[in-house]
Amino acid sequence: MTEQDDDFATLFEASLQAKRFDEGQTIAGTVIAIGAEVAFIDVGGKGEATIDIEELIDDEGALEVEVGDRIEAMVVSTSGGLKLSRKLARGAASMRQLADAFHAGLPVEGKVERAVKGGYEVRIAGQRAFCPISQIDIIRTTDPTVHIGKTYAFNIIEYKEGGKNVVVSRRKQLEHEQRATAAAMRKSIVPGAVITGRVVSVPDFGAFVDLGGGIQGLLHVSEMSWTRVGSPSEVVAVGDEITVRVLRVDEATEKISLGLKQLQDDPWTTAAAKFPVGQVRTGRVTRLADFGAFLELEPGFTGLLPFAESGIDRGTDMRKALPIGSEVEVAILEVDPEARRIRLSRKAVAEQREKAELRDYATRQDAEPSASMGSIADKLRDALGRK
């Protein structure tokens, strides 16, 4: 075998060993030799890798390792042999490492320094990079300042002019992490589960919540609070972290329904004691329907005043008789906590008043004859006394 054949066999063996590992994988190995520019690392079996010496020196230029030491490093290339980087695993520290990270598709650590037109300026390995606003997060960023000063993992999506023009994306890294965790996350999303997620959008009918791994559920406005919510934005905003309960999971459509009020005390458990039958209360008209009016008695408690109990003549315009926002005195007819229903009556109030007036009248009538007889007796005594 010639020297050339030997070199070829060595390179071929190295390429086979390199294929055992993936770019971006963190592995451990033992330092077996230290040269002028690279160190050789035994990574197990017949595997051998190289790492630049600059990766192994401290800020003062002193070598941090010696032969026999174990180190951990990240695989940055498997082409023509295994190449490692220890600093990439902790954040790129040089332009050369940035180039390696770009070609290998590896994440690098960067700090968001300030907002600029169309995005953010990010400091990576002492170099400036640009992150478009659409690439800073998975959800739409409404307040640009929330990311300033934060340190994130970024992917380099453009590397031009020898590193003078670098464009990065945090969104790409987040999406990669989502795909990695989606399958495991979906197994934990079952009815009854309590999960903390992040609000990603707030349409008129509710809020979509990211539960992790890119999986979203709908928190309908009716499930936000026991009290009536006019707009979802009164309760949540994009970016909020909230804890919700999983109500339903549709396996066919993969739709997930969430609830927020289910984690709050249910006020209806005390409804029967709070609103005893026969009690007269004042309610505020909140909504009108063909069959009656809905009155809010207290926050969280709305009762129905049926048309038949309203005391309004047939053909009368309810919008004029019971305008929205007006206050009406009603009596409690029925309370059903399980159905969350309260029936009200305005006629019953009038009937109670009529009965009360009759009782008062009867009491007065009973008292008047006694007073009358007393008056006659007094007059007789006066008359007899005068005789």
Protein backbone atom coordinates (compact mmCIF):
# COMPACT_ATOMS: atom_id res chain seq x y z
CA MET A 1 0.00 0.00 0.00
CA THR A 2 1.41 3.38 -1.00
CA GLU A 3 1.54 6.44 1.23
CA GLN A 4 -1.18 8.00 -0.93
CA ASP A 5 -3.40 4.93 -0.43
CA ASP A 6 -2.73 5.10 3.31
CA ASP A 7 -3.76 8.76 3.41
CA PHE A 8 -6.90 7.96 1.44
CA ALA A 9 -7.80 5.08 3.78
CA THR A 10 -7.29 7.32 6.79
CA LEU A 11 -9.52 10.03 5.34
CA PHE A 12 -12.14 7.47 4.37
CA GLU A 13 -12.17 6.00 7.89
CA ALA A 14 -12.46 9.51 9.34
CA SER A 15 -15.43 10.28 7.12
CA LEU A 16 -17.17 7.07 8.23
CA GLN A 17 -16.61 7.92 11.90
CA ALA A 18 -17.88 11.47 11.32
CA LYS A 19 -21.18 10.12 9.99
CA ARG A 20 -21.88 8.66 13.43
CA PHE A 21 -22.55 12.18 14.66
CA ASP A 22 -24.91 14.99 13.67
CA GLU A 23 -24.07 18.65 13.26
CA GLY A 24 -25.29 20.51 16.32
CA GLN A 25 -24.87 17.46 18.56
CA THR A 26 -22.96 17.97 21.80
CA ILE A 27 -20.51 15.15 22.53
CA ALA A 28 -17.79 14.35 25.09
CA GLY A 29 -14.23 13.27 24.32
CA THR A 30 -10.68 13.04 25.68
CA VAL A 31 -7.81 15.29 24.58
CA ILE A 32 -5.17 12.97 23.06
CA ALA A 33 -2.84 15.47 21.41
CA ILE A 34 -2.31 19.24 21.28
CA GLY A 35 -0.79 20.81 18.19
CA ALA A 36 0.07 24.35 17.20
CA GLU A 37 -3.35 25.11 15.65
CA VAL A 38 -5.66 22.23 16.61
CA ALA A 39 -6.11 19.66 19.36
CA PHE A 40 -7.14 16.07 18.69
CA ILE A 41 -10.04 14.60 20.64
CA ASP A 42 -10.83 10.90 21.08
CA VAL A 43 -14.62 10.59 20.80
CA GLY A 44 -14.87 6.82 21.28
CA GLY A 45 -14.11 3.73 19.21
CA LYS A 46 -11.96 4.71 16.26
CA GLY A 47 -13.47 8.18 16.23
CA GLU A 48 -11.22 11.18 16.35
CA ALA A 49 -12.11 14.85 16.09
CA THR A 50 -10.29 18.18 15.94
CA ILE A 51 -10.90 21.44 17.73
CA ASP A 52 -9.16 24.78 17.16
CA ILE A 53 -6.64 25.74 19.83
CA GLU A 54 -8.28 29.16 20.18
CA GLU A 55 -11.28 27.29 21.56
CA LEU A 56 -9.15 25.97 24.42
CA ILE A 57 -7.44 29.13 25.67
CA ASP A 58 -8.68 31.60 28.27
CA ASP A 59 -8.90 35.40 28.04
CA GLU A 60 -5.23 35.73 28.98
CA GLY A 61 -4.10 33.31 26.27
CA ALA A 62 -3.33 30.37 28.60
CA LEU A 63 -4.27 26.84 27.55
CA GLU A 64 -7.16 25.57 29.66
CA VAL A 65 -6.69 21.82 28.98
CA GLU A 66 -3.96 19.24 28.76
CA VAL A 67 -3.66 15.75 27.30
CA GLY A 68 -5.99 13.35 29.12
CA ASP A 69 -8.64 15.97 30.01
CA ARG A 70 -12.29 15.31 29.14
CA ILE A 71 -14.18 18.09 27.37
CA GLU A 72 -17.64 18.64 25.92
CA ALA A 73 -18.05 20.33 22.57
CA MET A 74 -20.52 20.76 19.74
CA VAL A 75 -20.17 19.11 16.32
CA VAL A 76 -19.93 21.91 13.77
CA SER A 77 -18.89 19.88 10.72
CA THR A 78 -18.78 16.23 9.63
CA SER A 79 -17.35 16.94 6.19
CA GLY A 80 -13.89 15.42 5.75
CA GLY A 81 -13.69 14.56 9.42
CA LEU A 82 -15.23 15.60 12.67
CA LYS A 83 -14.78 19.23 13.70
CA LEU A 84 -15.79 20.44 17.15
CA SER A 85 -16.44 23.78 18.81
CA ARG A 86 -16.60 24.28 22.53
CA LYS A 87 -17.45 27.98 22.40
CA LEU A 88 -20.33 27.52 19.98
CA ALA A 89 -22.04 25.42 22.63
CA ARG A 90 -21.80 28.44 24.95
CA GLY A 91 -22.26 31.15 22.32
CA ALA A 92 -20.13 32.10 19.34
CA ALA A 93 -17.02 34.11 20.22
CA SER A 94 -15.43 34.91 16.85
CA MET A 95 -16.28 35.65 13.24
CA ARG A 96 -14.89 32.25 12.24
CA GLN A 97 -17.27 30.54 14.64
CA LEU A 98 -20.16 32.60 13.29
CA ALA A 99 -19.32 31.33 9.81
CA ASP A 100 -19.21 27.76 11.13
CA ALA A 101 -22.58 28.23 12.82
CA PHE A 102 -24.10 29.65 9.63
CA HIS A 103 -22.90 26.79 7.42
CA ALA A 104 -23.86 24.13 9.99
CA GLY A 105 -27.25 25.73 10.74
CA LEU A 106 -26.41 25.89 14.45
CA PRO A 107 -27.94 28.35 16.91
CA VAL A 108 -25.82 31.11 18.43
CA GLU A 109 -26.41 33.25 21.47
CA GLY A 110 -27.08 36.95 21.02
CA LYS A 111 -28.29 39.93 23.03
CA VAL A 112 -30.97 42.27 21.69
CA GLU A 113 -29.49 45.74 22.12
CA ARG A 114 -32.00 48.12 20.58
CA ALA A 115 -34.95 48.48 18.24
CA VAL A 116 -34.17 49.82 14.76
CA LYS A 117 -36.25 50.41 11.67
CA GLY A 118 -37.88 47.10 10.71
CA GLY A 119 -36.38 45.05 13.52
CA TYR A 120 -33.65 44.84 16.14
CA GLU A 121 -29.91 45.20 16.44
CA VAL A 122 -28.44 42.07 18.03
CA ARG A 123 -24.91 41.69 19.41
CA ILE A 124 -23.38 38.28 18.67
CA ALA A 125 -19.72 37.46 19.32
CA GLY A 126 -18.97 41.16 19.54
CA GLN A 127 -20.48 41.68 16.08
CA ARG A 128 -23.66 43.49 15.11
CA ALA A 129 -26.44 41.50 13.47
CA PHE A 130 -29.93 42.41 12.31
CA CYS A 131 -33.10 40.54 13.29
CA PRO A 132 -36.25 41.49 11.32
CA ILE A 133 -39.23 42.20 13.58
CA SER A 134 -41.10 39.28 12.00
CA GLN A 135 -38.27 36.95 13.08
CA ILE A 136 -37.97 37.96 16.75
CA ASP A 137 -40.87 35.82 17.96
CA ILE A 138 -43.56 33.40 16.86
CA ILE A 139 -46.30 35.78 17.93
CA ARG A 140 -46.79 39.33 16.69
CA THR A 141 -44.82 41.80 18.79
CA THR A 142 -47.04 44.74 19.80
CA ASP A 143 -44.49 46.38 22.13
CA PRO A 144 -41.02 46.44 20.51
CA THR A 145 -39.33 47.21 23.81
CA VAL A 146 -40.20 43.85 25.43
CA HIS A 147 -37.21 42.16 23.75
CA ILE A 148 -34.58 44.85 24.40
CA GLY A 149 -31.88 43.62 26.77
CA LYS A 150 -32.91 39.98 26.42
CA THR A 151 -30.46 37.22 25.45
CA TYR A 152 -31.83 34.60 23.04
CA ALA A 153 -30.68 31.75 20.81
CA PHE A 154 -30.67 32.81 17.14
CA ASN A 155 -30.17 31.09 13.80
CA ILE A 156 -28.02 32.90 11.23
CA ILE A 157 -30.11 33.10 8.04
CA GLU A 158 -27.76 35.38 6.07
CA TYR A 159 -23.97 35.70 6.32
CA LYS A 160 -22.47 38.07 3.75
CA GLU A 161 -19.37 40.20 3.17
CA GLY A 162 -17.25 38.11 5.49
CA GLY A 163 -19.58 38.67 8.43
CA LYS A 164 -20.18 42.39 7.93
CA ASN A 165 -23.78 41.69 6.95
CA VAL A 166 -25.40 39.15 9.29
CA VAL A 167 -29.15 38.54 9.54
CA VAL A 168 -30.52 36.33 12.31
CA SER A 169 -33.82 34.74 13.25
CA ARG A 170 -35.09 33.77 16.68
CA ARG A 171 -38.39 32.61 15.18
CA LYS A 172 -36.67 29.82 13.26
CA GLN A 173 -35.10 28.53 16.48
CA LEU A 174 -38.43 28.70 18.32
CA GLU A 175 -40.18 26.80 15.53
CA HIS A 176 -37.47 24.13 15.66
CA GLU A 177 -37.99 23.79 19.42
CA GLN A 178 -41.75 23.61 18.91
CA ARG A 179 -41.49 20.73 16.44
CA ALA A 180 -39.23 18.88 18.86
CA THR A 181 -41.71 19.18 21.73
CA ALA A 182 -45.06 19.07 19.87
CA ALA A 183 -45.60 15.29 20.02
CA ALA A 184 -44.82 15.03 23.72
CA MET A 185 -46.87 18.14 24.48
CA ARG A 186 -49.97 16.85 22.68
CA LYS A 187 -50.02 13.75 24.90
CA SER A 188 -50.34 15.95 27.99
CA ILE A 189 -53.25 17.99 26.58
CA VAL A 190 -56.27 16.06 27.81
CA PRO A 191 -59.64 17.24 29.18
CA GLY A 192 -59.19 18.44 32.75
CA ALA A 193 -55.48 19.22 32.41
CA VAL A 194 -54.33 22.59 33.78
CA ILE A 195 -51.69 24.20 31.54
CA THR A 196 -49.87 27.52 31.44
CA GLY A 197 -49.72 29.04 27.96
CA ARG A 198 -49.15 32.31 26.15
CA VAL A 199 -51.82 34.39 24.39
CA VAL A 200 -50.94 34.69 20.69
CA SER A 201 -54.01 36.51 19.33
CA VAL A 202 -57.22 38.08 20.63
CA PRO A 203 -60.09 38.09 18.07
CA ASP A 204 -63.58 39.32 19.01
CA PHE A 205 -64.80 35.87 20.06
CA GLY A 206 -61.98 34.91 22.44
CA ALA A 207 -58.24 34.28 22.55
CA PHE A 208 -55.88 31.74 21.02
CA VAL A 209 -53.38 30.39 23.52
CA ASP A 210 -50.06 28.69 22.64
CA LEU A 211 -49.85 25.69 24.95
CA GLY A 212 -46.32 24.72 23.87
CA GLY A 213 -44.85 22.98 20.87
CA GLY A 214 -46.81 25.28 18.56
CA ILE A 215 -50.10 23.75 19.73
CA GLN A 216 -52.88 26.30 20.15
CA GLY A 217 -56.21 26.17 21.93
CA LEU A 218 -59.20 28.52 21.88
CA LEU A 219 -60.29 30.29 25.03
CA HIS A 220 -63.81 31.42 24.12
CA VAL A 221 -65.02 34.71 25.59
CA SER A 222 -67.83 32.86 27.40
CA GLU A 223 -65.24 30.76 29.27
CA MET A 224 -63.15 33.70 30.47
CA SER A 225 -65.15 34.73 33.52
CA TRP A 226 -68.30 33.94 35.49
CA THR A 227 -69.27 37.56 34.94
CA ARG A 228 -70.28 38.78 31.50
CA VAL A 229 -67.27 39.88 29.41
CA GLY A 230 -67.97 42.49 26.76
CA SER A 231 -64.67 42.05 24.90
CA PRO A 232 -61.88 39.44 25.32
CA SER A 233 -59.36 42.29 25.43
CA GLU A 234 -60.84 43.28 28.80
CA VAL A 235 -59.39 40.06 30.25
CA VAL A 236 -56.27 39.13 28.23
CA ALA A 237 -53.73 40.69 25.86
CA VAL A 238 -51.27 39.27 23.32
CA GLY A 239 -48.17 38.01 25.11
CA ASP A 240 -49.90 37.36 28.44
CA GLU A 241 -49.02 34.12 30.23
CA ILE A 242 -52.20 32.56 31.60
CA THR A 243 -53.14 29.27 33.26
CA VAL A 244 -56.14 27.53 31.70
CA ARG A 245 -58.04 24.28 31.99
CA VAL A 246 -58.49 21.99 28.96
CA LEU A 247 -62.25 21.56 28.46
CA ARG A 248 -62.48 19.53 25.24
CA VAL A 249 -60.13 17.98 22.69
CA ASP A 250 -61.48 17.06 19.25
CA GLU A 251 -59.13 14.37 17.94
CA ALA A 252 -60.57 14.56 14.41
CA THR A 253 -60.09 18.30 13.94
CA GLU A 254 -57.35 18.74 16.61
CA LYS A 255 -59.34 21.64 18.04
CA ILE A 256 -58.76 22.34 21.73
CA SER A 257 -61.25 24.25 23.90
CA LEU A 258 -59.95 26.01 26.99
CA GLY A 259 -61.48 27.57 30.08
CA LEU A 260 -60.26 30.28 32.46
CA LYS A 261 -63.26 30.74 34.72
CA GLN A 262 -63.14 27.05 35.71
CA LEU A 263 -60.07 27.89 37.81
CA GLN A 264 -62.02 30.60 39.68
CA ASP A 265 -64.59 30.23 42.47
CA ASP A 266 -68.07 29.66 41.04
CA PRO A 267 -70.37 32.35 42.48
CA TRP A 268 -73.47 30.30 41.58
CA THR A 269 -72.84 27.90 44.47
CA THR A 270 -74.18 30.63 46.78
CA ALA A 271 -76.97 31.84 44.47
CA ALA A 272 -79.88 30.24 46.39
CA ALA A 273 -78.81 31.85 49.67
CA LYS A 274 -78.00 35.16 48.01
CA PHE A 275 -81.35 35.42 46.20
CA PRO A 276 -84.13 33.86 48.32
CA VAL A 277 -87.48 33.38 46.57
CA GLY A 278 -89.81 36.33 47.20
CA GLN A 279 -87.00 38.82 47.78
CA VAL A 280 -87.38 42.14 45.95
CA ARG A 281 -84.24 43.36 44.18
CA THR A 282 -83.34 46.11 41.74
CA GLY A 283 -81.88 44.90 38.44
CA ARG A 284 -80.35 46.67 35.45
CA VAL A 285 -81.66 45.82 31.98
CA THR A 286 -78.77 44.43 29.90
CA ARG A 287 -80.53 42.74 26.98
CA LEU A 288 -83.97 42.41 25.41
CA ALA A 289 -85.47 39.40 23.65
CA ASP A 290 -88.89 38.54 22.18
CA PHE A 291 -89.73 36.52 25.30
CA GLY A 292 -88.55 39.00 27.92
CA ALA A 293 -85.68 41.02 29.33
CA PHE A 294 -82.38 40.07 31.01
CA LEU A 295 -81.53 41.98 34.17
CA GLU A 296 -78.19 42.05 35.97
CA LEU A 297 -78.84 41.74 39.69
CA GLU A 298 -75.15 41.70 40.67
CA PRO A 299 -71.92 41.18 38.71
CA GLY A 300 -72.05 37.56 37.59
CA PHE A 301 -75.78 37.12 38.23
CA THR A 302 -78.28 37.84 35.47
CA GLY A 303 -81.95 36.88 35.68
CA LEU A 304 -84.73 36.59 33.13
CA LEU A 305 -87.85 38.75 33.40
CA PRO A 306 -90.34 36.91 31.15
CA PHE A 307 -92.73 39.09 29.18
CA ALA A 308 -95.67 37.49 31.04
CA GLU A 309 -94.16 38.66 34.35
CA SER A 310 -93.21 42.13 33.16
CA GLY A 311 -96.61 43.75 33.71
CA ILE A 312 -96.38 45.24 30.23
CA ASP A 313 -99.46 45.12 28.00
CA ARG A 314 -99.32 43.12 24.80
CA GLY A 315 -98.26 45.22 21.83
CA THR A 316 -96.19 47.58 23.96
CA ASP A 317 -92.70 48.30 22.64
CA MET A 318 -90.35 46.71 25.22
CA ARG A 319 -87.49 48.91 24.10
CA LYS A 320 -89.45 51.91 25.38
CA ALA A 321 -90.96 50.19 28.41
CA LEU A 322 -87.66 48.61 29.51
CA PRO A 323 -84.80 50.52 27.87
CA ILE A 324 -81.28 49.07 28.08
CA GLY A 325 -79.53 50.35 31.18
CA SER A 326 -82.74 51.18 33.06
CA GLU A 327 -83.25 49.89 36.61
CA VAL A 328 -86.30 47.80 37.46
CA GLU A 329 -87.64 46.47 40.74
CA VAL A 330 -88.34 42.73 40.51
CA ALA A 331 -89.13 39.84 42.81
CA ILE A 332 -87.23 36.54 42.78
CA LEU A 333 -89.54 33.77 41.51
CA GLU A 334 -87.10 30.87 41.09
CA VAL A 335 -83.37 30.15 41.45
CA ASP A 336 -81.74 27.16 39.70
CA PRO A 337 -77.97 27.15 40.47
CA GLU A 338 -77.25 24.09 38.29
CA ALA A 339 -78.86 25.66 35.24
CA ARG A 340 -77.51 29.09 36.28
CA ARG A 341 -80.98 30.55 35.90
CA ILE A 342 -82.98 33.08 37.90
CA ARG A 343 -86.61 33.89 37.03
CA LEU A 344 -87.86 37.33 37.92
CA SER A 345 -91.23 39.04 38.11
CA ARG A 346 -92.29 42.66 38.15
CA LYS A 347 -95.96 41.67 38.54
CA ALA A 348 -95.08 39.90 41.79
CA VAL A 349 -93.68 43.19 43.15
CA ALA A 350 -96.96 44.93 42.36
CA GLU A 351 -98.92 42.09 43.94
CA GLN A 352 -96.76 42.27 47.08
CA ARG A 353 -97.38 45.98 47.31
CA GLU A 354 -101.15 45.52 46.88
CA LYS A 355 -101.18 42.91 49.66
CA ALA A 356 -99.13 45.19 51.89
CA GLU A 357 -101.51 48.07 51.24
CA LEU A 358 -104.50 45.83 52.03
CA ARG A 359 -102.90 44.77 55.29
CA ASP A 360 -102.21 48.38 56.21
CA TYR A 361 -105.78 49.33 55.34
CA ALA A 362 -107.20 46.43 57.38
CA THR A 363 -105.02 47.40 60.32
CA ARG A 364 -106.24 50.97 60.14
CA GLN A 365 -109.88 49.83 59.92
CA ASP A 366 -109.44 47.61 62.98
CA ALA A 367 -107.99 50.52 64.91
CA GLU A 368 -110.59 53.17 63.89
CA PRO A 369 -113.72 51.58 65.61
CA SER A 370 -111.89 51.34 68.92
CA ALA A 371 -110.86 54.91 68.66
CA SER A 372 -114.46 55.87 67.76
CA MET A 373 -116.00 54.01 70.72
CA GLY A 374 -113.47 55.60 73.03
CA SER A 375 -114.41 58.99 71.79
CA ILE A 376 -118.18 58.37 72.39
CA ALA A 377 -117.54 57.05 75.90
CA ASP A 378 -115.51 60.13 76.77
CA LYS A 379 -118.33 62.37 75.59
CA LEU A 380 -120.87 60.47 77.71
CA ARG A 381 -118.67 60.80 80.79
CA ASP A 382 -118.29 64.50 80.17
CA ALA A 383 -122.07 64.89 79.79
CA LEU A 384 -122.82 62.92 82.99
CA GLY A 385 -120.21 64.87 84.87
CA ARG A 386 -121.82 68.09 83.95
CA LYS A 387 -125.17 66.84 85.40
